[in-house]
Amino acid sequence: MDKIEITFQDKKYTLEYNRYSIVKMEKDGFDVSKADKQPLSTLIGLSRGAFIMHHPELKPEDIDLIIDAGIQLIIGLATGLVDALPKLINDYGSVSEPAPSETQDDYGIL
């Protein structure tokens, strides 16, 4: 995984995994084989584990605040997408033609 850099409350965090962080996650109970039955727990475990390599001093509750802010962003983006999809798909299930005010330059080649 490439490292991901985020900023939360004016502090920068680097999220990344290494062998140590994965072993620590497993020792703490993370089990990727449960992802299909416990998707949220798996997502939270993966998110918490990504902080171990560069920010081992963070407590789980502090990481959860950062994760919750990220989840709210994802929910907002997903809601926006769900709201936009009906406007983009015509009655036949195909992508609608651009509106008169839109150009191919807005989307690249359609």
PDB file of N, CA and C in Angstrom:
ATOM      1  N   MET A   1       0.852  -1.185   0.000  1.00  0.00           N
ATOM      2  CA  MET A   1       0.000   0.000   0.000  1.00  0.00           C
ATOM      3  C   MET A   1       0.886   1.231   0.000  1.00  0.00           C
ATOM      4  N   ASP A   2       0.551   2.164  -0.844  1.00  0.00           N
ATOM      5  CA  ASP A   2       1.223   3.460  -0.791  1.00  0.00           C
ATOM      6  C   ASP A   2       0.749   4.179   0.452  1.00  0.00           C
ATOM      7  N   LYS A   3       1.616   4.992   1.005  1.00  0.00           N
ATOM      8  CA  LYS A   3       1.188   5.725   2.192  1.00  0.00           C
ATOM      9  C   LYS A   3       0.178   6.797   1.814  1.00  0.00           C
ATOM     10  N   ILE A   4      -0.706   7.035   2.747  1.00  0.00           N
ATOM     11  CA  ILE A   4      -1.743   8.044   2.584  1.00  0.00           C
ATOM     12  C   ILE A   4      -1.491   9.108   3.642  1.00  0.00           C
ATOM     13  N   GLU A   5      -1.492  10.341   3.224  1.00  0.00           N
ATOM     14  CA  GLU A   5      -1.294  11.429   4.175  1.00  0.00           C
ATOM     15  C   GLU A   5      -2.591  12.206   4.301  1.00  0.00           C
ATOM     16  N   ILE A   6      -3.020  12.404   5.532  1.00  0.00           N
ATOM     17  CA  ILE A   6      -4.252  13.136   5.806  1.00  0.00           C
ATOM     18  C   ILE A   6      -3.973  14.206   6.853  1.00  0.00           C
ATOM     19  N   THR A   7      -4.853  15.174   6.906  1.00  0.00           N
ATOM     20  CA  THR A   7      -4.781  16.202   7.944  1.00  0.00           C
ATOM     21  C   THR A   7      -6.106  16.189   8.684  1.00  0.00           C
ATOM     22  N   PHE A   8      -6.012  16.158  10.000  1.00  0.00           N
ATOM     23  CA  PHE A   8      -7.206  16.195  10.844  1.00  0.00           C
ATOM     24  C   PHE A   8      -6.923  17.156  11.980  1.00  0.00           C
ATOM     25  N   GLN A   9      -7.774  18.138  12.141  1.00  0.00           N
ATOM     26  CA  GLN A   9      -7.628  19.168  13.168  1.00  0.00           C
ATOM     27  C   GLN A   9      -6.216  19.770  13.144  1.00  0.00           C
ATOM     28  N   ASP A  10      -5.780  20.139  11.953  1.00  0.00           N
ATOM     29  CA  ASP A  10      -4.494  20.799  11.705  1.00  0.00           C
ATOM     30  C   ASP A  10      -3.262  19.944  12.038  1.00  0.00           C
ATOM     31  N   LYS A  11      -3.430  18.644  12.186  1.00  0.00           N
ATOM     32  CA  LYS A  11      -2.292  17.755  12.413  1.00  0.00           C
ATOM     33  C   LYS A  11      -2.224  16.775  11.252  1.00  0.00           C
ATOM     34  N   LYS A  12      -1.014  16.536  10.758  1.00  0.00           N
ATOM     35  CA  LYS A  12      -0.826  15.625   9.632  1.00  0.00           C
ATOM     36  C   LYS A  12      -0.569  14.208  10.142  1.00  0.00           C
ATOM     37  N   TYR A  13      -1.196  13.255   9.470  1.00  0.00           N
ATOM     38  CA  TYR A  13      -1.022  11.846   9.794  1.00  0.00           C
ATOM     39  C   TYR A  13      -0.629  11.096   8.533  1.00  0.00           C
ATOM     40  N   THR A  14       0.257  10.120   8.697  1.00  0.00           N
ATOM     41  CA  THR A  14       0.650   9.262   7.590  1.00  0.00           C
ATOM     42  C   THR A  14       0.132   7.864   7.887  1.00  0.00           C
ATOM     43  N   LEU A  15      -0.666   7.337   6.964  1.00  0.00           N
ATOM     44  CA  LEU A  15      -1.252   6.010   7.126  1.00  0.00           C
ATOM     45  C   LEU A  15      -0.526   5.049   6.196  1.00  0.00           C
ATOM     46  N   GLU A  16      -0.050   3.949   6.769  1.00  0.00           N
ATOM     47  CA  GLU A  16       0.710   2.981   5.990  1.00  0.00           C
ATOM     48  C   GLU A  16       0.835   1.708   6.828  1.00  0.00           C
ATOM     49  N   TYR A  17       1.064   0.604   6.156  1.00  0.00           N
ATOM     50  CA  TYR A  17       1.263  -0.669   6.848  1.00  0.00           C
ATOM     51  C   TYR A  17       2.693  -1.153   6.629  1.00  0.00           C
ATOM     52  N   ASN A  18       3.196  -1.879   7.611  1.00  0.00           N
ATOM     53  CA  ASN A  18       4.418  -2.649   7.447  1.00  0.00           C
ATOM     54  C   ASN A  18       4.196  -3.984   8.164  1.00  0.00           C
ATOM     55  N   ARG A  19       5.183  -4.836   8.153  1.00  0.00           N
ATOM     56  CA  ARG A  19       5.029  -6.158   8.765  1.00  0.00           C
ATOM     57  C   ARG A  19       4.656  -6.033  10.242  1.00  0.00           C
ATOM     58  N   TYR A  20       5.320  -5.125  10.961  1.00  0.00           N
ATOM     59  CA  TYR A  20       5.036  -4.947  12.385  1.00  0.00           C
ATOM     60  C   TYR A  20       3.582  -4.542  12.620  1.00  0.00           C
ATOM     61  N   SER A  21       3.090  -3.595  11.828  1.00  0.00           N
ATOM     62  CA  SER A  21       1.725  -3.113  12.061  1.00  0.00           C
ATOM     63  C   SER A  21       0.703  -4.221  11.791  1.00  0.00           C
ATOM     64  N   ILE A  22       0.957  -5.044  10.778  1.00  0.00           N
ATOM     65  CA  ILE A  22       0.026  -6.137  10.480  1.00  0.00           C
ATOM     66  C   ILE A  22       0.051  -7.188  11.577  1.00  0.00           C
ATOM     67  N   VAL A  23       1.238  -7.528  12.072  1.00  0.00           N
ATOM     68  CA  VAL A  23       1.340  -8.494  13.172  1.00  0.00           C
ATOM     69  C   VAL A  23       0.636  -7.950  14.405  1.00  0.00           C
ATOM     70  N   LYS A  24       0.826  -6.663  14.696  1.00  0.00           N
ATOM     71  CA  LYS A  24       0.154  -6.056  15.860  1.00  0.00           C
ATOM     72  C   LYS A  24      -1.359  -6.101  15.687  1.00  0.00           C
ATOM     73  N   MET A  25      -1.843  -5.800  14.476  1.00  0.00           N
ATOM     74  CA  MET A  25      -3.279  -5.867  14.215  1.00  0.00           C
ATOM     75  C   MET A  25      -3.807  -7.277  14.506  1.00  0.00           C
ATOM     76  N   GLU A  26      -3.093  -8.289  14.034  1.00  0.00           N
ATOM     77  CA  GLU A  26      -3.526  -9.676  14.249  1.00  0.00           C
ATOM     78  C   GLU A  26      -3.494 -10.040  15.731  1.00  0.00           C
ATOM     79  N   LYS A  27      -2.463  -9.598  16.437  1.00  0.00           N
ATOM     80  CA  LYS A  27      -2.388  -9.871  17.884  1.00  0.00           C
ATOM     81  C   LYS A  27      -3.530  -9.195  18.638  1.00  0.00           C
ATOM     82  N   ASP A  28      -3.974  -8.049  18.100  1.00  0.00           N
ATOM     83  CA  ASP A  28      -5.080  -7.316  18.730  1.00  0.00           C
ATOM     84  C   ASP A  28      -6.450  -7.852  18.318  1.00  0.00           C
ATOM     85  N   GLY A  29      -6.464  -8.914  17.493  1.00  0.00           N
ATOM     86  CA  GLY A  29      -7.730  -9.554  17.142  1.00  0.00           C
ATOM     87  C   GLY A  29      -8.222  -9.333  15.727  1.00  0.00           C
ATOM     88  N   PHE A  30      -7.494  -8.587  14.922  1.00  0.00           N
ATOM     89  CA  PHE A  30      -7.924  -8.359  13.545  1.00  0.00           C
ATOM     90  C   PHE A  30      -7.828  -9.667  12.759  1.00  0.00           C
ATOM     91  N   ASP A  31      -8.893  -9.963  12.004  1.00  0.00           N
ATOM     92  CA  ASP A  31      -8.937 -11.185  11.198  1.00  0.00           C
ATOM     93  C   ASP A  31      -9.627 -10.869   9.881  1.00  0.00           C
ATOM     94  N   VAL A  32      -8.840 -10.740   8.824  1.00  0.00           N
ATOM     95  CA  VAL A  32      -9.388 -10.342   7.525  1.00  0.00           C
ATOM     96  C   VAL A  32     -10.372 -11.373   6.980  1.00  0.00           C
ATOM     97  N   SER A  33     -10.275 -12.620   7.429  1.00  0.00           N
ATOM     98  CA  SER A  33     -11.195 -13.646   6.926  1.00  0.00           C
ATOM     99  C   SER A  33     -12.638 -13.415   7.392  1.00  0.00           C
ATOM    100  N   LYS A  34     -12.832 -12.521   8.343  1.00  0.00           N
ATOM    101  CA  LYS A  34     -14.183 -12.199   8.823  1.00  0.00           C
ATOM    102  C   LYS A  34     -14.818 -11.022   8.081  1.00  0.00           C
ATOM    103  N   ALA A  35     -14.138 -10.520   7.049  1.00  0.00           N
ATOM    104  CA  ALA A  35     -14.597  -9.314   6.354  1.00  0.00           C
ATOM    105  C   ALA A  35     -15.996  -9.456   5.776  1.00  0.00           C
ATOM    106  N   ASP A  36     -16.337 -10.642   5.258  1.00  0.00           N
ATOM    107  CA  ASP A  36     -17.660 -10.804   4.654  1.00  0.00           C
ATOM    108  C   ASP A  36     -18.773 -10.816   5.691  1.00  0.00           C
ATOM    109  N   LYS A  37     -18.473 -11.222   6.920  1.00  0.00           N
ATOM    110  CA  LYS A  37     -19.498 -11.282   7.971  1.00  0.00           C
ATOM    111  C   LYS A  37     -19.457 -10.064   8.891  1.00  0.00           C
ATOM    112  N   GLN A  38     -18.314  -9.399   8.943  1.00  0.00           N
ATOM    113  CA  GLN A  38     -18.153  -8.226   9.809  1.00  0.00           C
ATOM    114  C   GLN A  38     -17.465  -7.097   9.037  1.00  0.00           C
ATOM    115  N   PRO A  39     -18.126  -6.584   7.994  1.00  0.00           N
ATOM    116  CA  PRO A  39     -17.451  -5.588   7.147  1.00  0.00           C
ATOM    117  C   PRO A  39     -17.089  -4.296   7.867  1.00  0.00           C
ATOM    118  N   LEU A  40     -17.947  -3.798   8.734  1.00  0.00           N
ATOM    119  CA  LEU A  40     -17.645  -2.545   9.429  1.00  0.00           C
ATOM    120  C   LEU A  40     -16.494  -2.740  10.409  1.00  0.00           C
ATOM    121  N   SER A  41     -16.527  -3.839  11.149  1.00  0.00           N
ATOM    122  CA  SER A  41     -15.433  -4.119  12.081  1.00  0.00           C
ATOM    123  C   SER A  41     -14.112  -4.273  11.340  1.00  0.00           C
ATOM    124  N   THR A  42     -14.163  -4.898  10.178  1.00  0.00           N
ATOM    125  CA  THR A  42     -12.957  -5.069   9.374  1.00  0.00           C
ATOM    126  C   THR A  42     -12.447  -3.720   8.885  1.00  0.00           C
ATOM    127  N   LEU A  43     -13.342  -2.877   8.410  1.00  0.00           N
ATOM    128  CA  LEU A  43     -12.949  -1.555   7.940  1.00  0.00           C
ATOM    129  C   LEU A  43     -12.327  -0.730   9.063  1.00  0.00           C
ATOM    130  N   ILE A  44     -12.933  -0.781  10.234  1.00  0.00           N
ATOM    131  CA  ILE A  44     -12.389  -0.040  11.380  1.00  0.00           C
ATOM    132  C   ILE A  44     -11.035  -0.604  11.781  1.00  0.00           C
ATOM    133  N   GLY A  45     -10.914  -1.933  11.800  1.00  0.00           N
ATOM    134  CA  GLY A  45      -9.632  -2.558  12.133  1.00  0.00           C
ATOM    135  C   GLY A  45      -8.540  -2.185  11.150  1.00  0.00           C
ATOM    136  N   LEU A  46      -8.862  -2.183   9.864  1.00  0.00           N
ATOM    137  CA  LEU A  46      -7.896  -1.766   8.840  1.00  0.00           C
ATOM    138  C   LEU A  46      -7.506  -0.307   9.031  1.00  0.00           C
ATOM    139  N   SER A  47      -8.487   0.522   9.323  1.00  0.00           N
ATOM    140  CA  SER A  47      -8.223   1.948   9.512  1.00  0.00           C
ATOM    141  C   SER A  47      -7.346   2.182  10.733  1.00  0.00           C
ATOM    142  N   ARG A  48      -7.675   1.550  11.836  1.00  0.00           N
ATOM    143  CA  ARG A  48      -6.847   1.693  13.037  1.00  0.00           C
ATOM    144  C   ARG A  48      -5.439   1.193  12.795  1.00  0.00           C
ATOM    145  N   GLY A  49      -5.328   0.063  12.110  1.00  0.00           N
ATOM    146  CA  GLY A  49      -4.016  -0.523  11.842  1.00  0.00           C
ATOM    147  C   GLY A  49      -3.126   0.350  10.988  1.00  0.00           C
ATOM    148  N   ALA A  50      -3.720   1.163  10.124  1.00  0.00           N
ATOM    149  CA  ALA A  50      -2.935   2.027   9.248  1.00  0.00           C
ATOM    150  C   ALA A  50      -2.194   3.121  10.009  1.00  0.00           C
ATOM    151  N   PHE A  51      -2.596   3.391  11.244  1.00  0.00           N
ATOM    152  CA  PHE A  51      -1.929   4.402  12.066  1.00  0.00           C
ATOM    153  C   PHE A  51      -0.732   3.845  12.831  1.00  0.00           C
ATOM    154  N   ILE A  52      -0.648   2.527  12.997  1.00  0.00           N
ATOM    155  CA  ILE A  52       0.356   1.911  13.867  1.00  0.00           C
ATOM    156  C   ILE A  52       1.781   2.249  13.445  1.00  0.00           C
ATOM    157  N   MET A  53       2.062   2.178  12.170  1.00  0.00           N
ATOM    158  CA  MET A  53       3.437   2.343  11.691  1.00  0.00           C
ATOM    159  C   MET A  53       4.019   3.719  12.025  1.00  0.00           C
ATOM    160  N   HIS A  54       3.275   4.768  11.793  1.00  0.00           N
ATOM    161  CA  HIS A  54       3.799   6.125  11.985  1.00  0.00           C
ATOM    162  C   HIS A  54       3.285   6.821  13.245  1.00  0.00           C
ATOM    163  N   HIS A  55       2.209   6.306  13.838  1.00  0.00           N
ATOM    164  CA  HIS A  55       1.598   6.974  14.993  1.00  0.00           C
ATOM    165  C   HIS A  55       1.219   5.970  16.081  1.00  0.00           C
ATOM    166  N   PRO A  56       2.179   5.185  16.558  1.00  0.00           N
ATOM    167  CA  PRO A  56       1.840   4.163  17.557  1.00  0.00           C
ATOM    168  C   PRO A  56       1.377   4.741  18.892  1.00  0.00           C
ATOM    169  N   GLU A  57       1.642   6.023  19.101  1.00  0.00           N
ATOM    170  CA  GLU A  57       1.254   6.664  20.363  1.00  0.00           C
ATOM    171  C   GLU A  57      -0.242   6.980  20.442  1.00  0.00           C
ATOM    172  N   LEU A  58      -0.935   6.939  19.315  1.00  0.00           N
ATOM    173  CA  LEU A  58      -2.356   7.274  19.311  1.00  0.00           C
ATOM    174  C   LEU A  58      -3.187   6.192  19.993  1.00  0.00           C
ATOM    175  N   LYS A  59      -4.139   6.631  20.778  1.00  0.00           N
ATOM    176  CA  LYS A  59      -5.070   5.708  21.425  1.00  0.00           C
ATOM    177  C   LYS A  59      -6.193   5.371  20.449  1.00  0.00           C
ATOM    178  N   PRO A  60      -6.797   4.186  20.589  1.00  0.00           N
ATOM    179  CA  PRO A  60      -7.894   3.805  19.690  1.00  0.00           C
ATOM    180  C   PRO A  60      -9.018   4.848  19.627  1.00  0.00           C
ATOM    181  N   GLU A  61      -9.340   5.472  20.752  1.00  0.00           N
ATOM    182  CA  GLU A  61     -10.426   6.458  20.739  1.00  0.00           C
ATOM    183  C   GLU A  61     -10.049   7.708  19.935  1.00  0.00           C
ATOM    184  N   ASP A  62      -8.745   8.062  19.927  1.00  0.00           N
ATOM    185  CA  ASP A  62      -8.310   9.194  19.108  1.00  0.00           C
ATOM    186  C   ASP A  62      -8.378   8.847  17.622  1.00  0.00           C
ATOM    187  N   ILE A  63      -7.964   7.630  17.304  1.00  0.00           N
ATOM    188  CA  ILE A  63      -8.047   7.169  15.912  1.00  0.00           C
ATOM    189  C   ILE A  63      -9.504   7.128  15.469  1.00  0.00           C
ATOM    190  N   ASP A  64     -10.388   6.694  16.353  1.00  0.00           N
ATOM    191  CA  ASP A  64     -11.812   6.616  16.012  1.00  0.00           C
ATOM    192  C   ASP A  64     -12.389   7.982  15.650  1.00  0.00           C
ATOM    193  N   LEU A  65     -11.936   9.053  16.311  1.00  0.00           N
ATOM    194  CA  LEU A  65     -12.398  10.402  15.961  1.00  0.00           C
ATOM    195  C   LEU A  65     -12.021  10.737  14.520  1.00  0.00           C
ATOM    196  N   ILE A  66     -10.800  10.372  14.136  1.00  0.00           N
ATOM    197  CA  ILE A  66     -10.342  10.635  12.772  1.00  0.00           C
ATOM    198  C   ILE A  66     -11.124   9.782  11.786  1.00  0.00           C
ATOM    199  N   ILE A  67     -11.310   8.504  12.119  1.00  0.00           N
ATOM    200  CA  ILE A  67     -12.061   7.592  11.244  1.00  0.00           C
ATOM    201  C   ILE A  67     -13.492   8.084  11.076  1.00  0.00           C
ATOM    202  N   ASP A  68     -14.134   8.495  12.177  1.00  0.00           N
ATOM    203  CA  ASP A  68     -15.517   8.973  12.109  1.00  0.00           C
ATOM    204  C   ASP A  68     -15.642  10.178  11.187  1.00  0.00           C
ATOM    205  N   ALA A  69     -14.670  11.082  11.239  1.00  0.00           N
ATOM    206  CA  ALA A  69     -14.703  12.241  10.344  1.00  0.00           C
ATOM    207  C   ALA A  69     -14.584  11.783   8.896  1.00  0.00           C
ATOM    208  N   GLY A  70     -13.733  10.796   8.648  1.00  0.00           N
ATOM    209  CA  GLY A  70     -13.584  10.262   7.297  1.00  0.00           C
ATOM    210  C   GLY A  70     -14.834   9.557   6.827  1.00  0.00           C
ATOM    211  N   ILE A  71     -15.473   8.819   7.715  1.00  0.00           N
ATOM    212  CA  ILE A  71     -16.709   8.114   7.359  1.00  0.00           C
ATOM    213  C   ILE A  71     -17.800   9.119   7.014  1.00  0.00           C
ATOM    214  N   GLN A  72     -17.878  10.220   7.754  1.00  0.00           N
ATOM    215  CA  GLN A  72     -18.874  11.243   7.444  1.00  0.00           C
ATOM    216  C   GLN A  72     -18.631  11.831   6.056  1.00  0.00           C
ATOM    217  N   LEU A  73     -17.354  12.008   5.695  1.00  0.00           N
ATOM    218  CA  LEU A  73     -17.032  12.497   4.357  1.00  0.00           C
ATOM    219  C   LEU A  73     -17.483  11.492   3.299  1.00  0.00           C
ATOM    220  N   ILE A  74     -17.192  10.220   3.521  1.00  0.00           N
ATOM    221  CA  ILE A  74     -17.577   9.174   2.567  1.00  0.00           C
ATOM    222  C   ILE A  74     -19.092   9.090   2.438  1.00  0.00           C
ATOM    223  N   ILE A  75     -19.804   9.169   3.562  1.00  0.00           N
ATOM    224  CA  ILE A  75     -21.268   9.134   3.527  1.00  0.00           C
ATOM    225  C   ILE A  75     -21.800  10.328   2.730  1.00  0.00           C
ATOM    226  N   GLY A  76     -21.223  11.493   2.946  1.00  0.00           N
ATOM    227  CA  GLY A  76     -21.647  12.677   2.199  1.00  0.00           C
ATOM    228  C   GLY A  76     -21.414  12.525   0.705  1.00  0.00           C
ATOM    229  N   LEU A  77     -20.246  11.987   0.336  1.00  0.00           N
ATOM    230  CA  LEU A  77     -19.955  11.775  -1.088  1.00  0.00           C
ATOM    231  C   LEU A  77     -20.894  10.732  -1.686  1.00  0.00           C
ATOM    232  N   ALA A  78     -21.127   9.644  -0.948  1.00  0.00           N
ATOM    233  CA  ALA A  78     -22.016   8.592  -1.450  1.00  0.00           C
ATOM    234  C   ALA A  78     -23.439   9.122  -1.615  1.00  0.00           C
ATOM    235  N   THR A  79     -23.897   9.921  -0.668  1.00  0.00           N
ATOM    236  CA  THR A  79     -25.233  10.504  -0.766  1.00  0.00           C
ATOM    237  C   THR A  79     -25.335  11.410  -1.985  1.00  0.00           C
ATOM    238  N   GLY A  80     -24.308  12.204  -2.210  1.00  0.00           N
ATOM    239  CA  GLY A  80     -24.296  13.060  -3.390  1.00  0.00           C
ATOM    240  C   GLY A  80     -24.330  12.255  -4.674  1.00  0.00           C
ATOM    241  N   LEU A  81     -23.625  11.142  -4.708  1.00  0.00           N
ATOM    242  CA  LEU A  81     -23.620  10.280  -5.888  1.00  0.00           C
ATOM    243  C   LEU A  81     -24.988   9.654  -6.101  1.00  0.00           C
ATOM    244  N   VAL A  82     -25.585   9.155  -5.029  1.00  0.00           N
ATOM    245  CA  VAL A  82     -26.914   8.542  -5.132  1.00  0.00           C
ATOM    246  C   VAL A  82     -27.927   9.569  -5.621  1.00  0.00           C
ATOM    247  N   ASP A  83     -27.819  10.802  -5.151  1.00  0.00           N
ATOM    248  CA  ASP A  83     -28.734  11.859  -5.603  1.00  0.00           C
ATOM    249  C   ASP A  83     -28.506  12.202  -7.073  1.00  0.00           C
ATOM    250  N   ALA A  84     -27.262  12.124  -7.527  1.00  0.00           N
ATOM    251  CA  ALA A  84     -26.940  12.515  -8.898  1.00  0.00           C
ATOM    252  C   ALA A  84     -27.243  11.418  -9.913  1.00  0.00           C
ATOM    253  N   LEU A  85     -27.162  10.159  -9.525  1.00  0.00           N
ATOM    254  CA  LEU A  85     -27.323   9.058 -10.481  1.00  0.00           C
ATOM    255  C   LEU A  85     -28.626   9.094 -11.269  1.00  0.00           C
ATOM    256  N   PRO A  86     -29.784   9.300 -10.637  1.00  0.00           N
ATOM    257  CA  PRO A  86     -31.014   9.332 -11.427  1.00  0.00           C
ATOM    258  C   PRO A  86     -31.001  10.422 -12.501  1.00  0.00           C
ATOM    259  N   LYS A  87     -30.289  11.488 -12.258  1.00  0.00           N
ATOM    260  CA  LYS A  87     -30.214  12.575 -13.226  1.00  0.00           C
ATOM    261  C   LYS A  87     -29.270  12.229 -14.383  1.00  0.00           C
ATOM    262  N   LEU A  88     -28.376  11.270 -14.162  1.00  0.00           N
ATOM    263  CA  LEU A  88     -27.384  10.918 -15.168  1.00  0.00           C
ATOM    264  C   LEU A  88     -27.794   9.720 -16.018  1.00  0.00           C
ATOM    265  N   ILE A  89     -28.790   8.980 -15.567  1.00  0.00           N
ATOM    266  CA  ILE A  89     -29.196   7.769 -16.267  1.00  0.00           C
ATOM    267  C   ILE A  89     -30.585   7.983 -16.855  1.00  0.00           C
ATOM    268  N   ASN A  90     -30.735   7.645 -18.142  1.00  0.00           N
ATOM    269  CA  ASN A  90     -32.025   7.864 -18.796  1.00  0.00           C
ATOM    270  C   ASN A  90     -32.990   6.719 -18.480  1.00  0.00           C
ATOM    271  N   ASP A  91     -34.180   6.774 -19.037  1.00  0.00           N
ATOM    272  CA  ASP A  91     -35.206   5.778 -18.748  1.00  0.00           C
ATOM    273  C   ASP A  91     -34.844   4.377 -19.221  1.00  0.00           C
ATOM    274  N   TYR A  92     -33.856   4.258 -20.086  1.00  0.00           N
ATOM    275  CA  TYR A  92     -33.479   2.956 -20.628  1.00  0.00           C
ATOM    276  C   TYR A  92     -32.255   2.360 -19.931  1.00  0.00           C
ATOM    277  N   GLY A  93     -31.775   3.016 -18.877  1.00  0.00           N
ATOM    278  CA  GLY A  93     -30.646   2.501 -18.125  1.00  0.00           C
ATOM    279  C   GLY A  93     -29.294   2.878 -18.693  1.00  0.00           C
ATOM    280  N   SER A  94     -29.281   3.755 -19.677  1.00  0.00           N
ATOM    281  CA  SER A  94     -28.021   4.203 -20.272  1.00  0.00           C
ATOM    282  C   SER A  94     -27.661   5.568 -19.715  1.00  0.00           C
ATOM    283  N   VAL A  95     -26.394   5.876 -19.821  1.00  0.00           N
ATOM    284  CA  VAL A  95     -25.956   7.196 -19.379  1.00  0.00           C
ATOM    285  C   VAL A  95     -26.616   8.245 -20.258  1.00  0.00           C
ATOM    286  N   SER A  96     -27.208   9.230 -19.644  1.00  0.00           N
ATOM    287  CA  SER A  96     -27.909  10.290 -20.374  1.00  0.00           C
ATOM    288  C   SER A  96     -26.937  11.118 -21.192  1.00  0.00           C
ATOM    289  N   GLU A  97     -27.483  11.736 -22.215  1.00  0.00           N
ATOM    290  CA  GLU A  97     -26.705  12.668 -23.016  1.00  0.00           C
ATOM    291  C   GLU A  97     -26.407  13.901 -22.161  1.00  0.00           C
ATOM    292  N   PRO A  98     -25.305  14.595 -22.456  1.00  0.00           N
ATOM    293  CA  PRO A  98     -25.021  15.814 -21.700  1.00  0.00           C
ATOM    294  C   PRO A  98     -26.147  16.835 -21.867  1.00  0.00           C
ATOM    295  N   ALA A  99     -26.403  17.583 -20.835  1.00  0.00           N
ATOM    296  CA  ALA A  99     -27.386  18.665 -20.904  1.00  0.00           C
ATOM    297  C   ALA A  99     -26.863  19.733 -21.850  1.00  0.00           C
ATOM    298  N   PRO A 100     -27.761  20.560 -22.394  1.00  0.00           N
ATOM    299  CA  PRO A 100     -27.319  21.611 -23.321  1.00  0.00           C
ATOM    300  C   PRO A 100     -26.232  22.512 -22.735  1.00  0.00           C
ATOM    301  N   SER A 101     -26.248  22.697 -21.420  1.00  0.00           N
ATOM    302  CA  SER A 101     -25.247  23.575 -20.804  1.00  0.00           C
ATOM    303  C   SER A 101     -23.906  22.873 -20.584  1.00  0.00           C
ATOM    304  N   GLU A 102     -23.864  21.550 -20.808  1.00  0.00           N
ATOM    305  CA  GLU A 102     -22.638  20.799 -20.609  1.00  0.00           C
ATOM    306  C   GLU A 102     -21.958  20.558 -21.955  1.00  0.00           C
ATOM    307  N   THR A 103     -20.665  20.404 -21.919  1.00  0.00           N
ATOM    308  CA  THR A 103     -19.925  20.095 -23.134  1.00  0.00           C
ATOM    309  C   THR A 103     -19.099  18.846 -22.897  1.00  0.00           C
ATOM    310  N   GLN A 104     -18.578  18.278 -23.981  1.00  0.00           N
ATOM    311  CA  GLN A 104     -17.715  17.116 -23.817  1.00  0.00           C
ATOM    312  C   GLN A 104     -16.478  17.466 -23.008  1.00  0.00           C
ATOM    313  N   ASP A 105     -16.084  18.736 -23.028  1.00  0.00           N
ATOM    314  CA  ASP A 105     -14.923  19.148 -22.253  1.00  0.00           C
ATOM    315  C   ASP A 105     -15.165  19.001 -20.756  1.00  0.00           C
ATOM    316  N   ASP A 106     -16.457  19.028 -20.336  1.00  0.00           N
ATOM    317  CA  ASP A 106     -16.761  18.868 -18.917  1.00  0.00           C
ATOM    318  C   ASP A 106     -16.401  17.463 -18.436  1.00  0.00           C
ATOM    319  N   TYR A 107     -16.452  16.495 -19.321  1.00  0.00           N
ATOM    320  CA  TYR A 107     -16.279  15.094 -18.933  1.00  0.00           C
ATOM    321  C   TYR A 107     -15.191  14.374 -19.707  1.00  0.00           C
ATOM    322  N   GLY A 108     -14.550  15.028 -20.656  1.00  0.00           N
ATOM    323  CA  GLY A 108     -13.634  14.343 -21.544  1.00  0.00           C
ATOM    324  C   GLY A 108     -14.456  13.761 -22.676  1.00  0.00           C
ATOM    325  N   ILE A 109     -13.951  12.780 -23.325  1.00  0.00           N
ATOM    326  CA  ILE A 109     -14.658  12.174 -24.448  1.00  0.00           C
ATOM    327  C   ILE A 109     -15.770  11.295 -23.920  1.00  0.00           C
ATOM    328  N   LEU A 110     -16.992  11.531 -24.377  1.00  0.00           N
ATOM    329  CA  LEU A 110     -18.138  10.730 -23.938  1.00  0.00           C
ATOM    330  C   LEU A 110     -18.394   9.596 -24.897  1.00  0.00           C
TER     331      LEU A 110
END
